[in-house]
Protein backbone atom coordinates (compact mmCIF):
# COMPACT_ATOMS: atom_id res chain seq x y z
CA MET A 1 -7.81 -37.06 30.54
CA PHE A 2 -9.05 -39.70 28.12
CA ASP A 3 -10.51 -41.60 31.09
CA LEU A 4 -12.68 -38.57 31.90
CA PHE A 5 -13.78 -38.45 28.26
CA LEU A 6 -14.91 -42.07 28.40
CA ALA A 7 -16.49 -41.70 31.85
CA GLY A 8 -18.51 -38.70 30.63
CA GLY A 9 -20.15 -40.85 27.97
CA LYS A 10 -18.81 -41.47 24.49
CA LEU A 11 -21.77 -40.01 22.61
CA GLY A 12 -22.23 -36.86 24.70
CA MET A 13 -18.55 -36.05 24.93
CA SER A 14 -18.12 -36.69 21.19
CA ILE A 15 -20.94 -34.27 20.42
CA LEU A 16 -19.37 -31.67 22.71
CA THR A 17 -15.99 -32.18 21.01
CA ALA A 18 -17.64 -31.71 17.61
CA GLU A 19 -19.19 -28.48 18.89
CA LEU A 20 -15.75 -27.36 20.11
CA ILE A 21 -14.28 -28.01 16.66
CA CYS A 22 -17.18 -26.15 15.02
CA MET A 23 -16.64 -23.23 17.40
CA LEU A 24 -12.94 -23.04 16.56
CA PHE A 25 -13.75 -23.19 12.85
CA ALA A 26 -16.41 -20.50 13.33
CA ALA A 27 -13.85 -18.28 15.06
CA TRP A 28 -11.96 -18.29 11.80
CA LYS A 29 -14.82 -18.19 9.26
CA ALA A 30 -17.96 -16.89 11.04
CA PRO A 31 -17.02 -14.98 14.20
CA ALA A 32 -20.61 -13.98 14.98
CA TRP A 33 -21.49 -17.64 15.63
CA VAL A 34 -18.79 -18.34 18.23
CA LYS A 35 -20.80 -17.38 21.29
CA GLU A 36 -23.91 -19.18 20.02
CA ILE A 37 -22.01 -22.40 19.42
CA GLY A 38 -20.49 -22.11 22.91
CA LEU A 39 -23.95 -21.67 24.37
CA LEU A 40 -25.19 -24.67 22.40
CA ALA A 41 -22.34 -26.71 23.92
CA LEU A 42 -23.40 -25.60 27.40
CA VAL A 43 -27.01 -26.62 26.78
CA THR A 44 -25.84 -29.94 25.34
CA GLY A 45 -23.72 -30.64 28.43
CA ILE A 46 -26.58 -29.86 30.78
CA PHE A 47 -28.93 -32.04 28.70
CA TYR A 48 -26.54 -34.99 28.94
CA GLN A 49 -26.24 -34.49 32.69
CA PHE A 50 -30.02 -34.59 33.05
CA LEU A 51 -30.19 -37.64 30.82
CA GLY A 52 -27.55 -39.43 32.89
CA MET A 53 -29.22 -38.50 36.16
CA PHE A 54 -32.58 -39.70 34.82
CA GLN A 55 -31.06 -43.07 33.97
CA ALA A 56 -29.23 -43.27 37.30
CA PHE A 57 -32.36 -42.52 39.30
CA GLY A 58 -34.17 -45.26 37.39
CA VAL A 59 -31.48 -47.75 38.36
CA ILE A 60 -31.56 -46.53 41.97
CA GLN A 61 -35.32 -46.97 42.06
CA MET A 62 -34.99 -50.56 40.84
CA ALA A 63 -32.09 -51.38 43.20
CA GLY A 64 -33.73 -49.97 46.30
CA ASP A 65 -31.39 -49.00 49.11
CA ILE A 66 -27.91 -47.89 48.02
CA SER A 67 -24.95 -46.40 49.85
CA PRO A 68 -24.41 -42.63 49.88
CA SER A 69 -20.86 -43.08 48.54
CA LEU A 70 -22.22 -44.83 45.45
CA LEU A 71 -24.67 -41.97 44.93
CA ALA A 72 -21.89 -39.40 45.34
CA GLY A 73 -19.81 -41.25 42.72
CA GLY A 74 -22.73 -41.07 40.31
CA PHE A 75 -23.11 -37.34 40.86
CA ARG A 76 -19.38 -36.90 40.27
CA VAL A 77 -19.54 -38.69 36.93
CA SER A 78 -22.64 -36.76 35.86
CA PHE A 79 -20.79 -33.44 36.17
CA ILE A 80 -18.03 -34.38 33.70
CA SER A 81 -20.00 -33.37 30.61
CA VAL A 82 -21.13 -30.12 32.23
CA MET A 83 -17.57 -29.17 33.19
CA TYR A 84 -16.41 -29.84 29.62
CA ALA A 85 -19.31 -27.79 28.26
CA LEU A 86 -18.50 -24.92 30.64
CA LEU A 87 -14.90 -24.92 29.41
CA ILE A 88 -16.12 -24.75 25.80
CA TYR A 89 -18.49 -21.89 26.66
CA ALA A 90 -15.75 -20.01 28.52
CA ALA A 91 -13.46 -20.45 25.51
CA SER A 92 -16.19 -19.04 23.26
CA LEU A 93 -16.48 -15.97 25.48
CA VAL A 94 -12.72 -15.43 25.45
CA ILE A 95 -12.63 -15.78 21.65
CA ARG A 96 -15.47 -13.25 21.32
CA MET A 97 -13.68 -10.81 23.61
CA LEU A 98 -10.50 -11.10 21.56
CA GLN A 99 -12.40 -10.61 18.30
CA LYS A 100 -14.33 -7.50 19.31
CA PRO A 101 -12.81 -4.33 17.96
CA ARG A 102 -11.54 -1.91 20.58
CA ILE A 103 -12.97 1.58 20.32
């Protein structure tokens, strides 16, 4: 699991983890912010995927011809931050559902 954290990028995954901690703290202190923090985590994950793909395409452009398996490996790594962000967003939705009063 820690290998995926490092492969996803230390900075991006650290920011997403900080947003997860903030979301869990908000669930206790400011429940109205839980969904918004989860959505922020999703946007952050997508931003880091685009940033990684932008850098990868720059390297591909400089390298010229590359193998499709190398490209597929790059796509695989770029989705790590998005999957983590989706898990955080899903957790925020579950927390919001559990916090809503039943009428």
